[in-house]
């Protein structure tokens, strides 16, 4: 009889520990709303500047000539650059070509 009670207690403890580790001690409803937290993240507006290219221009040289107000990585700016100018993904820039340069400006958030 003693072994049966000890076995039942072990199974109950194991079940409680499993539920605590998988679902958590606090229910999900007690956490903040994730949509409300997204409003406090950094937000940017993107303006495009049309530029006529010259001999020797590259995306990096144009980014240096037209810097962004916000801190954006080069990879993000290049991704937006190629999104605005998809024809430049497979070919080089030609002098006299009209391209668009993305310029990021930060928006003030009121949290």
PDB file of N, CA and C in Angstrom:
ATOM      1  N   UNK A   1       0.816  -1.182   0.000  1.00  0.00           N
ATOM      2  CA  UNK A   1       0.000   0.000   0.000  1.00  0.00           C
ATOM      3  C   UNK A   1       0.875   1.267   0.000  1.00  0.00           C
ATOM      4  N   UNK A   2       1.977   1.198   0.719  1.00  0.00           N
ATOM      5  CA  UNK A   2       2.883   2.333   0.793  1.00  0.00           C
ATOM      6  C   UNK A   2       3.469   2.626  -0.593  1.00  0.00           C
ATOM      7  N   UNK A   3       3.836   1.589  -1.348  1.00  0.00           N
ATOM      8  CA  UNK A   3       4.402   1.773  -2.684  1.00  0.00           C
ATOM      9  C   UNK A   3       3.377   2.376  -3.640  1.00  0.00           C
ATOM     10  N   UNK A   4       2.136   2.022  -3.496  1.00  0.00           N
ATOM     11  CA  UNK A   4       1.076   2.562  -4.340  1.00  0.00           C
ATOM     12  C   UNK A   4       0.892   4.064  -4.089  1.00  0.00           C
ATOM     13  N   UNK A   5       0.922   4.492  -2.846  1.00  0.00           N
ATOM     14  CA  UNK A   5       0.771   5.910  -2.508  1.00  0.00           C
ATOM     15  C   UNK A   5       1.989   6.702  -2.972  1.00  0.00           C
ATOM     16  N   UNK A   6       3.188   6.169  -2.783  1.00  0.00           N
ATOM     17  CA  UNK A   6       4.415   6.848  -3.233  1.00  0.00           C
ATOM     18  C   UNK A   6       4.415   6.972  -4.753  1.00  0.00           C
ATOM     19  N   UNK A   7       3.996   5.917  -5.461  1.00  0.00           N
ATOM     20  CA  UNK A   7       3.927   5.950  -6.924  1.00  0.00           C
ATOM     21  C   UNK A   7       2.914   6.998  -7.385  1.00  0.00           C
ATOM     22  N   UNK A   8       1.770   7.082  -6.737  1.00  0.00           N
ATOM     23  CA  UNK A   8       0.754   8.078  -7.099  1.00  0.00           C
ATOM     24  C   UNK A   8       1.282   9.495  -6.871  1.00  0.00           C
ATOM     25  N   UNK A   9       1.978   9.721  -5.775  1.00  0.00           N
ATOM     26  CA  UNK A   9       2.547  11.046  -5.490  1.00  0.00           C
ATOM     27  C   UNK A   9       3.603  11.413  -6.533  1.00  0.00           C
ATOM     28  N   UNK A  10       4.432  10.462  -6.932  1.00  0.00           N
ATOM     29  CA  UNK A  10       5.463  10.714  -7.948  1.00  0.00           C
ATOM     30  C   UNK A  10       4.813  11.077  -9.280  1.00  0.00           C
ATOM     31  N   UNK A  11       3.757  10.355  -9.671  1.00  0.00           N
ATOM     32  CA  UNK A  11       3.072  10.665 -10.924  1.00  0.00           C
ATOM     33  C   UNK A  11       2.397  12.036 -10.871  1.00  0.00           C
ATOM     34  N   UNK A  12       1.819  12.385  -9.750  1.00  0.00           N
ATOM     35  CA  UNK A  12       1.185  13.702  -9.611  1.00  0.00           C
ATOM     36  C   UNK A  12       2.237  14.808  -9.692  1.00  0.00           C
ATOM     37  N   UNK A  13       3.366  14.630  -9.014  1.00  0.00           N
ATOM     38  CA  UNK A  13       4.448  15.626  -9.078  1.00  0.00           C
ATOM     39  C   UNK A  13       5.012  15.742 -10.493  1.00  0.00           C
ATOM     40  N   UNK A  14       5.195  14.609 -11.163  1.00  0.00           N
ATOM     41  CA  UNK A  14       5.711  14.634 -12.530  1.00  0.00           C
ATOM     42  C   UNK A  14       4.744  15.361 -13.460  1.00  0.00           C
ATOM     43  N   UNK A  15       3.455  15.145 -13.283  1.00  0.00           N
ATOM     44  CA  UNK A  15       2.455  15.821 -14.109  1.00  0.00           C
ATOM     45  C   UNK A  15       2.449  17.324 -13.845  1.00  0.00           C
ATOM     46  N   UNK A  16       2.533  17.718 -12.595  1.00  0.00           N
ATOM     47  CA  UNK A  16       2.551  19.142 -12.253  1.00  0.00           C
ATOM     48  C   UNK A  16       3.802  19.806 -12.821  1.00  0.00           C
ATOM     49  N   UNK A  17       4.937  19.160 -12.717  1.00  0.00           N
ATOM     50  CA  UNK A  17       6.185  19.721 -13.249  1.00  0.00           C
ATOM     51  C   UNK A  17       6.113  19.825 -14.767  1.00  0.00           C
ATOM     52  N   UNK A  18       5.577  18.814 -15.434  1.00  0.00           N
ATOM     53  CA  UNK A  18       5.443  18.840 -16.896  1.00  0.00           C
ATOM     54  C   UNK A  18       4.542  19.986 -17.337  1.00  0.00           C
ATOM     55  N   UNK A  19       3.403  20.153 -16.688  1.00  0.00           N
ATOM     56  CA  UNK A  19       2.485  21.240 -17.041  1.00  0.00           C
ATOM     57  C   UNK A  19       3.137  22.592 -16.775  1.00  0.00           C
ATOM     58  N   UNK A  20       3.870  22.711 -15.683  1.00  0.00           N
ATOM     59  CA  UNK A  20       4.531  23.965 -15.351  1.00  0.00           C
ATOM     60  C   UNK A  20       5.602  24.312 -16.380  1.00  0.00           C
ATOM     61  N   UNK A  21       6.348  23.323 -16.849  1.00  0.00           N
ATOM     62  CA  UNK A  21       7.418  23.588 -17.809  1.00  0.00           C
ATOM     63  C   UNK A  21       6.887  23.837 -19.218  1.00  0.00           C
ATOM     64  N   UNK A  22       5.793  23.193 -19.598  1.00  0.00           N
ATOM     65  CA  UNK A  22       5.289  23.374 -20.961  1.00  0.00           C
ATOM     66  C   UNK A  22       4.367  24.577 -21.089  1.00  0.00           C
ATOM     67  N   UNK A  23       3.425  24.744 -20.183  1.00  0.00           N
ATOM     68  CA  UNK A  23       2.469  25.848 -20.274  1.00  0.00           C
ATOM     69  C   UNK A  23       2.919  27.076 -19.505  1.00  0.00           C
ATOM     70  N   UNK A  24       3.708  26.894 -18.511  1.00  0.00           N
ATOM     71  CA  UNK A  24       4.166  28.008 -17.697  1.00  0.00           C
ATOM     72  C   UNK A  24       3.324  28.165 -16.451  1.00  0.00           C
ATOM     73  N   UNK A  25       3.902  28.831 -15.476  1.00  0.00           N
ATOM     74  CA  UNK A  25       3.208  29.038 -14.213  1.00  0.00           C
ATOM     75  C   UNK A  25       2.102  30.074 -14.373  1.00  0.00           C
ATOM     76  N   UNK A  26       2.388  31.144 -15.134  1.00  0.00           N
ATOM     77  CA  UNK A  26       1.409  32.199 -15.339  1.00  0.00           C
ATOM     78  C   UNK A  26       0.678  31.960 -16.658  1.00  0.00           C
ATOM     79  N   UNK A  27      -0.603  32.198 -16.703  1.00  0.00           N
ATOM     80  CA  UNK A  27      -1.324  32.044 -17.967  1.00  0.00           C
ATOM     81  C   UNK A  27      -0.907  33.129 -18.957  1.00  0.00           C
ATOM     82  N   UNK A  28      -1.104  32.857 -20.242  1.00  0.00           N
ATOM     83  CA  UNK A  28      -0.690  33.806 -21.268  1.00  0.00           C
ATOM     84  C   UNK A  28      -1.483  35.105 -21.214  1.00  0.00           C
ATOM     85  N   UNK A  29      -2.677  35.076 -20.678  1.00  0.00           N
ATOM     86  CA  UNK A  29      -3.504  36.283 -20.613  1.00  0.00           C
ATOM     87  C   UNK A  29      -2.913  37.333 -19.681  1.00  0.00           C
ATOM     88  N   UNK A  30      -2.034  36.950 -18.787  1.00  0.00           N
ATOM     89  CA  UNK A  30      -1.480  37.916 -17.843  1.00  0.00           C
ATOM     90  C   UNK A  30      -0.341  38.738 -18.434  1.00  0.00           C
ATOM     91  N   UNK A  31       0.174  38.348 -19.599  1.00  0.00           N
ATOM     92  CA  UNK A  31       1.251  39.100 -20.224  1.00  0.00           C
ATOM     93  C   UNK A  31       0.686  40.289 -20.987  1.00  0.00           C
ATOM     94  N   UNK A  32       1.554  41.262 -21.279  1.00  0.00           N
ATOM     95  CA  UNK A  32       1.125  42.446 -22.011  1.00  0.00           C
ATOM     96  C   UNK A  32       0.725  42.069 -23.423  1.00  0.00           C
ATOM     97  N   UNK A  33      -0.070  42.911 -24.000  1.00  0.00           N
ATOM     98  CA  UNK A  33      -0.511  42.715 -25.371  1.00  0.00           C
ATOM     99  C   UNK A  33       0.663  43.007 -26.310  1.00  0.00           C
ATOM    100  N   UNK A  34       1.079  42.063 -27.162  1.00  0.00           N
ATOM    101  CA  UNK A  34       2.230  42.316 -28.032  1.00  0.00           C
ATOM    102  C   UNK A  34       1.961  43.410 -29.061  1.00  0.00           C
ATOM    103  N   UNK A  35       0.703  43.634 -29.432  1.00  0.00           N
ATOM    104  CA  UNK A  35       0.403  44.700 -30.385  1.00  0.00           C
ATOM    105  C   UNK A  35       0.693  46.069 -29.783  1.00  0.00           C
ATOM    106  N   UNK A  36       0.468  46.218 -28.498  1.00  0.00           N
ATOM    107  CA  UNK A  36       0.740  47.494 -27.841  1.00  0.00           C
ATOM    108  C   UNK A  36       2.241  47.752 -27.755  1.00  0.00           C
ATOM    109  N   UNK A  37       3.045  46.711 -27.664  1.00  0.00           N
ATOM    110  CA  UNK A  37       4.491  46.874 -27.580  1.00  0.00           C
ATOM    111  C   UNK A  37       5.086  47.249 -28.928  1.00  0.00           C
ATOM    112  N   UNK A  38       4.466  46.869 -30.019  1.00  0.00           N
ATOM    113  CA  UNK A  38       5.010  47.158 -31.336  1.00  0.00           C
ATOM    114  C   UNK A  38       4.984  48.649 -31.648  1.00  0.00           C
ATOM    115  N   UNK A  39       4.102  49.402 -31.024  1.00  0.00           N
ATOM    116  CA  UNK A  39       4.029  50.830 -31.295  1.00  0.00           C
ATOM    117  C   UNK A  39       5.250  51.570 -30.763  1.00  0.00           C
ATOM    118  N   UNK A  40       5.946  50.987 -29.794  1.00  0.00           N
ATOM    119  CA  UNK A  40       7.102  51.649 -29.208  1.00  0.00           C
ATOM    120  C   UNK A  40       8.409  51.287 -29.911  1.00  0.00           C
ATOM    121  N   UNK A  41       8.348  50.474 -30.933  1.00  0.00           N
ATOM    122  CA  UNK A  41       9.553  50.145 -31.682  1.00  0.00           C
ATOM    123  C   UNK A  41       9.907  51.322 -32.594  1.00  0.00           C
ATOM    124  N   UNK A  42      11.138  51.336 -33.043  1.00  0.00           N
ATOM    125  CA  UNK A  42      11.564  52.403 -33.930  1.00  0.00           C
ATOM    126  C   UNK A  42      10.811  52.286 -35.251  1.00  0.00           C
ATOM    127  N   UNK A  43      10.306  53.411 -35.704  1.00  0.00           N
ATOM    128  CA  UNK A  43       9.576  53.442 -36.958  1.00  0.00           C
ATOM    129  C   UNK A  43      10.275  54.397 -37.905  1.00  0.00           C
ATOM    130  N   UNK A  44      10.269  54.047 -39.174  1.00  0.00           N
ATOM    131  CA  UNK A  44      10.959  54.836 -40.182  1.00  0.00           C
ATOM    132  C   UNK A  44      10.011  55.147 -41.330  1.00  0.00           C
ATOM    133  N   UNK A  45      10.230  56.279 -41.932  1.00  0.00           N
ATOM    134  CA  UNK A  45       9.577  56.580 -43.199  1.00  0.00           C
ATOM    135  C   UNK A  45      10.661  56.566 -44.260  1.00  0.00           C
ATOM    136  N   UNK A  46      10.291  56.107 -45.426  1.00  0.00           N
ATOM    137  CA  UNK A  46      11.264  55.981 -46.510  1.00  0.00           C
ATOM    138  C   UNK A  46      10.880  56.959 -47.612  1.00  0.00           C
ATOM    139  N   UNK A  47      11.807  57.848 -47.913  1.00  0.00           N
ATOM    140  CA  UNK A  47      11.647  58.752 -49.042  1.00  0.00           C
ATOM    141  C   UNK A  47      12.600  58.284 -50.136  1.00  0.00           C
ATOM    142  N   UNK A  48      12.212  58.489 -51.365  1.00  0.00           N
ATOM    143  CA  UNK A  48      13.099  58.130 -52.472  1.00  0.00           C
ATOM    144  C   UNK A  48      13.567  59.410 -53.160  1.00  0.00           C
ATOM    145  N   UNK A  49      14.828  59.401 -53.524  1.00  0.00           N
ATOM    146  CA  UNK A  49      15.427  60.532 -54.224  1.00  0.00           C
ATOM    147  C   UNK A  49      15.834  60.043 -55.609  1.00  0.00           C
ATOM    148  N   UNK A  50      15.285  60.621 -56.668  1.00  0.00           N
ATOM    149  CA  UNK A  50      15.723  60.223 -58.010  1.00  0.00           C
ATOM    150  C   UNK A  50      17.097  60.827 -58.313  1.00  0.00           C
ATOM    151  N   UNK A  51      17.975  60.001 -58.834  1.00  0.00           N
ATOM    152  CA  UNK A  51      19.356  60.418 -59.105  1.00  0.00           C
ATOM    153  C   UNK A  51      19.740  59.938 -60.497  1.00  0.00           C
ATOM    154  N   UNK A  52      20.431  60.780 -61.232  1.00  0.00           N
ATOM    155  CA  UNK A  52      20.990  60.376 -62.522  1.00  0.00           C
ATOM    156  C   UNK A  52      22.431  59.962 -62.265  1.00  0.00           C
ATOM    157  N   UNK A  53      22.756  58.737 -62.633  1.00  0.00           N
ATOM    158  CA  UNK A  53      24.077  58.186 -62.315  1.00  0.00           C
ATOM    159  C   UNK A  53      25.154  58.783 -63.212  1.00  0.00           C
ATOM    160  N   UNK A  54      26.358  58.741 -62.683  1.00  0.00           N
ATOM    161  CA  UNK A  54      27.539  59.181 -63.420  1.00  0.00           C
ATOM    162  C   UNK A  54      28.512  58.017 -63.505  1.00  0.00           C
ATOM    163  N   UNK A  55      29.555  58.184 -64.252  1.00  0.00           N
ATOM    164  CA  UNK A  55      30.557  57.137 -64.416  1.00  0.00           C
ATOM    165  C   UNK A  55      31.229  56.842 -63.076  1.00  0.00           C
ATOM    166  N   UNK A  56      31.298  55.588 -62.700  1.00  0.00           N
ATOM    167  CA  UNK A  56      31.952  55.177 -61.467  1.00  0.00           C
ATOM    168  C   UNK A  56      31.050  55.131 -60.253  1.00  0.00           C
ATOM    169  N   UNK A  57      29.769  55.426 -60.422  1.00  0.00           N
ATOM    170  CA  UNK A  57      28.846  55.365 -59.284  1.00  0.00           C
ATOM    171  C   UNK A  57      28.564  53.920 -58.891  1.00  0.00           C
ATOM    172  N   UNK A  58      28.388  53.722 -57.608  1.00  0.00           N
ATOM    173  CA  UNK A  58      27.986  52.421 -57.066  1.00  0.00           C
ATOM    174  C   UNK A  58      26.916  52.693 -56.009  1.00  0.00           C
ATOM    175  N   UNK A  59      26.180  51.673 -55.594  1.00  0.00           N
ATOM    176  CA  UNK A  59      25.184  51.915 -54.531  1.00  0.00           C
ATOM    177  C   UNK A  59      25.812  52.485 -53.262  1.00  0.00           C
ATOM    178  N   UNK A  60      26.995  52.001 -52.899  1.00  0.00           N
ATOM    179  CA  UNK A  60      27.645  52.488 -51.685  1.00  0.00           C
ATOM    180  C   UNK A  60      28.046  53.959 -51.811  1.00  0.00           C
ATOM    181  N   UNK A  61      28.537  54.365 -52.983  1.00  0.00           N
ATOM    182  CA  UNK A  61      28.918  55.768 -53.150  1.00  0.00           C
ATOM    183  C   UNK A  61      27.690  56.678 -53.145  1.00  0.00           C
ATOM    184  N   UNK A  62      26.583  56.187 -53.684  1.00  0.00           N
ATOM    185  CA  UNK A  62      25.355  56.979 -53.650  1.00  0.00           C
ATOM    186  C   UNK A  62      24.783  57.061 -52.239  1.00  0.00           C
ATOM    187  N   UNK A  63      24.924  55.972 -51.458  1.00  0.00           N
ATOM    188  CA  UNK A  63      24.479  56.009 -50.063  1.00  0.00           C
ATOM    189  C   UNK A  63      25.312  57.005 -49.263  1.00  0.00           C
ATOM    190  N   UNK A  64      26.599  57.113 -49.589  1.00  0.00           N
ATOM    191  CA  UNK A  64      27.457  58.076 -48.897  1.00  0.00           C
ATOM    192  C   UNK A  64      27.092  59.507 -49.291  1.00  0.00           C
ATOM    193  N   UNK A  65      26.692  59.702 -50.549  1.00  0.00           N
ATOM    194  CA  UNK A  65      26.319  61.038 -51.003  1.00  0.00           C
ATOM    195  C   UNK A  65      24.959  61.469 -50.460  1.00  0.00           C
ATOM    196  N   UNK A  66      24.077  60.497 -50.241  1.00  0.00           N
ATOM    197  CA  UNK A  66      22.732  60.774 -49.718  1.00  0.00           C
ATOM    198  C   UNK A  66      22.520  59.958 -48.447  1.00  0.00           C
ATOM    199  N   UNK A  67      23.068  60.399 -47.319  1.00  0.00           N
ATOM    200  CA  UNK A  67      22.961  59.609 -46.081  1.00  0.00           C
ATOM    201  C   UNK A  67      21.547  59.638 -45.507  1.00  0.00           C
ATOM    202  N   UNK A  68      21.260  58.628 -44.702  1.00  0.00           N
ATOM    203  CA  UNK A  68      19.965  58.540 -44.023  1.00  0.00           C
ATOM    204  C   UNK A  68      20.071  59.154 -42.638  1.00  0.00           C
ATOM    205  N   UNK A  69      18.974  59.717 -42.187  1.00  0.00           N
ATOM    206  CA  UNK A  69      18.913  60.290 -40.842  1.00  0.00           C
ATOM    207  C   UNK A  69      18.920  59.186 -39.785  1.00  0.00           C
ATOM    208  N   UNK A  70      18.313  58.060 -40.095  1.00  0.00           N
ATOM    209  CA  UNK A  70      18.203  56.949 -39.147  1.00  0.00           C
ATOM    210  C   UNK A  70      19.371  55.987 -39.332  1.00  0.00           C
ATOM    211  N   UNK A  71      19.696  55.252 -38.274  1.00  0.00           N
ATOM    212  CA  UNK A  71      20.745  54.236 -38.349  1.00  0.00           C
ATOM    213  C   UNK A  71      20.173  52.970 -38.970  1.00  0.00           C
ATOM    214  N   UNK A  72      20.480  52.751 -40.228  1.00  0.00           N
ATOM    215  CA  UNK A  72      20.015  51.581 -40.970  1.00  0.00           C
ATOM    216  C   UNK A  72      21.253  50.862 -41.476  1.00  0.00           C
ATOM    217  N   UNK A  73      21.229  49.544 -41.398  1.00  0.00           N
ATOM    218  CA  UNK A  73      22.384  48.779 -41.862  1.00  0.00           C
ATOM    219  C   UNK A  73      22.485  48.858 -43.379  1.00  0.00           C
ATOM    220  N   UNK A  74      23.684  48.596 -43.868  1.00  0.00           N
ATOM    221  CA  UNK A  74      23.925  48.617 -45.306  1.00  0.00           C
ATOM    222  C   UNK A  74      23.092  47.547 -46.002  1.00  0.00           C
ATOM    223  N   UNK A  75      22.946  46.404 -45.378  1.00  0.00           N
ATOM    224  CA  UNK A  75      22.165  45.323 -45.990  1.00  0.00           C
ATOM    225  C   UNK A  75      20.701  45.730 -46.171  1.00  0.00           C
ATOM    226  N   UNK A  76      20.142  46.419 -45.178  1.00  0.00           N
ATOM    227  CA  UNK A  76      18.749  46.867 -45.294  1.00  0.00           C
ATOM    228  C   UNK A  76      18.597  47.917 -46.390  1.00  0.00           C
ATOM    229  N   UNK A  77      19.549  48.834 -46.459  1.00  0.00           N
ATOM    230  CA  UNK A  77      19.481  49.862 -47.508  1.00  0.00           C
ATOM    231  C   UNK A  77      19.665  49.255 -48.886  1.00  0.00           C
ATOM    232  N   UNK A  78      20.574  48.283 -49.004  1.00  0.00           N
ATOM    233  CA  UNK A  78      20.761  47.629 -50.300  1.00  0.00           C
ATOM    234  C   UNK A  78      19.519  46.853 -50.714  1.00  0.00           C
ATOM    235  N   UNK A  79      18.873  46.196 -49.757  1.00  0.00           N
ATOM    236  CA  UNK A  79      17.652  45.450 -50.073  1.00  0.00           C
ATOM    237  C   UNK A  79      16.574  46.393 -50.596  1.00  0.00           C
ATOM    238  N   UNK A  80      16.397  47.530 -49.947  1.00  0.00           N
ATOM    239  CA  UNK A  80      15.400  48.501 -50.408  1.00  0.00           C
ATOM    240  C   UNK A  80      15.820  49.119 -51.734  1.00  0.00           C
ATOM    241  N   UNK A  81      17.122  49.350 -51.923  1.00  0.00           N
ATOM    242  CA  UNK A  81      17.633  49.902 -53.177  1.00  0.00           C
ATOM    243  C   UNK A  81      17.300  48.978 -54.344  1.00  0.00           C
ATOM    244  N   UNK A  82      17.543  47.675 -54.174  1.00  0.00           N
ATOM    245  CA  UNK A  82      17.257  46.728 -55.250  1.00  0.00           C
ATOM    246  C   UNK A  82      15.760  46.475 -55.398  1.00  0.00           C
ATOM    247  N   UNK A  83      14.994  46.730 -54.344  1.00  0.00           N
ATOM    248  CA  UNK A  83      13.534  46.640 -54.462  1.00  0.00           C
ATOM    249  C   UNK A  83      13.005  47.798 -55.308  1.00  0.00           C
ATOM    250  N   UNK A  84      13.599  48.979 -55.144  1.00  0.00           N
ATOM    251  CA  UNK A  84      13.192  50.141 -55.931  1.00  0.00           C
ATOM    252  C   UNK A  84      13.745  50.099 -57.352  1.00  0.00           C
ATOM    253  N   UNK A  85      14.892  49.456 -57.534  1.00  0.00           N
ATOM    254  CA  UNK A  85      15.553  49.372 -58.841  1.00  0.00           C
ATOM    255  C   UNK A  85      15.831  47.907 -59.187  1.00  0.00           C
ATOM    256  N   UNK A  86      14.801  47.129 -59.507  1.00  0.00           N
ATOM    257  CA  UNK A  86      15.024  45.692 -59.728  1.00  0.00           C
ATOM    258  C   UNK A  86      15.884  45.391 -60.956  1.00  0.00           C
ATOM    259  N   UNK A  87      15.941  46.312 -61.911  1.00  0.00           N
ATOM    260  CA  UNK A  87      16.746  46.071 -63.107  1.00  0.00           C
ATOM    261  C   UNK A  87      18.245  46.081 -62.810  1.00  0.00           C
ATOM    262  N   UNK A  88      18.658  46.631 -61.672  1.00  0.00           N
ATOM    263  CA  UNK A  88      20.086  46.693 -61.339  1.00  0.00           C
ATOM    264  C   UNK A  88      20.599  45.429 -60.653  1.00  0.00           C
ATOM    265  N   UNK A  89      19.730  44.461 -60.393  1.00  0.00           N
ATOM    266  CA  UNK A  89      20.182  43.226 -59.753  1.00  0.00           C
ATOM    267  C   UNK A  89      21.046  42.394 -60.697  1.00  0.00           C
ATOM    268  N   UNK A  90      20.754  42.467 -61.993  1.00  0.00           N
ATOM    269  CA  UNK A  90      21.471  41.619 -62.948  1.00  0.00           C
ATOM    270  C   UNK A  90      22.382  42.409 -63.876  1.00  0.00           C
ATOM    271  N   UNK A  91      22.427  43.729 -63.717  1.00  0.00           N
ATOM    272  CA  UNK A  91      23.297  44.526 -64.578  1.00  0.00           C
ATOM    273  C   UNK A  91      23.939  45.649 -63.778  1.00  0.00           C
ATOM    274  N   UNK A  92      24.992  46.203 -64.325  1.00  0.00           N
ATOM    275  CA  UNK A  92      25.703  47.302 -63.667  1.00  0.00           C
ATOM    276  C   UNK A  92      25.006  48.626 -63.979  1.00  0.00           C
ATOM    277  N   UNK A  93      25.342  49.635 -63.187  1.00  0.00           N
ATOM    278  CA  UNK A  93      24.785  50.966 -63.434  1.00  0.00           C
ATOM    279  C   UNK A  93      25.404  51.558 -64.687  1.00  0.00           C
ATOM    280  N   UNK A  94      24.564  52.200 -65.470  1.00  0.00           N
ATOM    281  CA  UNK A  94      25.005  52.845 -66.701  1.00  0.00           C
ATOM    282  C   UNK A  94      24.979  54.353 -66.458  1.00  0.00           C
ATOM    283  N   UNK A  95      26.022  55.085 -66.870  1.00  0.00           N
ATOM    284  CA  UNK A  95      25.996  56.539 -66.679  1.00  0.00           C
ATOM    285  C   UNK A  95      24.802  57.167 -67.399  1.00  0.00           C
ATOM    286  N   UNK A  96      24.134  58.092 -66.726  1.00  0.00           N
ATOM    287  CA  UNK A  96      22.971  58.765 -67.285  1.00  0.00           C
ATOM    288  C   UNK A  96      21.655  58.078 -66.973  1.00  0.00           C
ATOM    289  N   UNK A  97      21.706  56.987 -66.237  1.00  0.00           N
ATOM    290  CA  UNK A  97      20.496  56.239 -65.896  1.00  0.00           C
ATOM    291  C   UNK A  97      19.817  56.873 -64.680  1.00  0.00           C
ATOM    292  N   UNK A  98      18.487  56.908 -64.689  1.00  0.00           N
ATOM    293  CA  UNK A  98      17.723  57.454 -63.573  1.00  0.00           C
ATOM    294  C   UNK A  98      17.393  56.319 -62.610  1.00  0.00           C
ATOM    295  N   UNK A  99      17.881  56.439 -61.374  1.00  0.00           N
ATOM    296  CA  UNK A  99      17.603  55.427 -60.347  1.00  0.00           C
ATOM    297  C   UNK A  99      17.054  56.120 -59.109  1.00  0.00           C
ATOM    298  N   UNK A 100      16.493  55.318 -58.206  1.00  0.00           N
ATOM    299  CA  UNK A 100      15.923  55.848 -56.969  1.00  0.00           C
ATOM    300  C   UNK A 100      16.773  55.408 -55.785  1.00  0.00           C
ATOM    301  N   UNK A 101      17.094  56.352 -54.909  1.00  0.00           N
ATOM    302  CA  UNK A 101      17.881  56.082 -53.708  1.00  0.00           C
ATOM    303  C   UNK A 101      16.946  56.160 -52.498  1.00  0.00           C
ATOM    304  N   UNK A 102      16.904  55.110 -51.656  1.00  0.00           N
ATOM    305  CA  UNK A 102      16.066  55.188 -50.454  1.00  0.00           C
ATOM    306  C   UNK A 102      16.763  55.977 -49.345  1.00  0.00           C
ATOM    307  N   UNK A 103      16.032  56.895 -48.745  1.00  0.00           N
ATOM    308  CA  UNK A 103      16.539  57.682 -47.622  1.00  0.00           C
ATOM    309  C   UNK A 103      15.561  57.494 -46.469  1.00  0.00           C
ATOM    310  N   UNK A 104      16.068  57.001 -45.354  1.00  0.00           N
ATOM    311  CA  UNK A 104      15.240  56.709 -44.187  1.00  0.00           C
ATOM    312  C   UNK A 104      15.248  57.900 -43.242  1.00  0.00           C
ATOM    313  N   UNK A 105      14.068  58.261 -42.760  1.00  0.00           N
ATOM    314  CA  UNK A 105      13.949  59.269 -41.712  1.00  0.00           C
ATOM    315  C   UNK A 105      13.192  58.642 -40.553  1.00  0.00           C
ATOM    316  N   UNK A 106      13.617  58.937 -39.345  1.00  0.00           N
ATOM    317  CA  UNK A 106      12.976  58.335 -38.177  1.00  0.00           C
ATOM    318  C   UNK A 106      11.745  59.146 -37.782  1.00  0.00           C
ATOM    319  N   UNK A 107      10.769  58.435 -37.223  1.00  0.00           N
ATOM    320  CA  UNK A 107       9.528  59.047 -36.759  1.00  0.00           C
ATOM    321  C   UNK A 107       9.529  58.987 -35.244  1.00  0.00           C
ATOM    322  N   UNK A 108       9.158  60.081 -34.584  1.00  0.00           N
ATOM    323  CA  UNK A 108       9.118  60.083 -33.121  1.00  0.00           C
ATOM    324  C   UNK A 108       7.936  59.253 -32.644  1.00  0.00           C
ATOM    325  N   UNK A 109       8.203  58.381 -31.692  1.00  0.00           N
ATOM    326  CA  UNK A 109       7.165  57.534 -31.111  1.00  0.00           C
ATOM    327  C   UNK A 109       6.748  58.092 -29.765  1.00  0.00           C
ATOM    328  N   UNK A 110       5.469  58.101 -29.515  1.00  0.00           N
ATOM    329  CA  UNK A 110       4.953  58.496 -28.206  1.00  0.00           C
ATOM    330  C   UNK A 110       4.480  57.229 -27.519  1.00  0.00           C
ATOM    331  N   UNK A 111       5.228  56.794 -26.518  1.00  0.00           N
ATOM    332  CA  UNK A 111       4.899  55.546 -25.819  1.00  0.00           C
ATOM    333  C   UNK A 111       4.255  55.836 -24.484  1.00  0.00           C
TER     334      UNK A 111
END
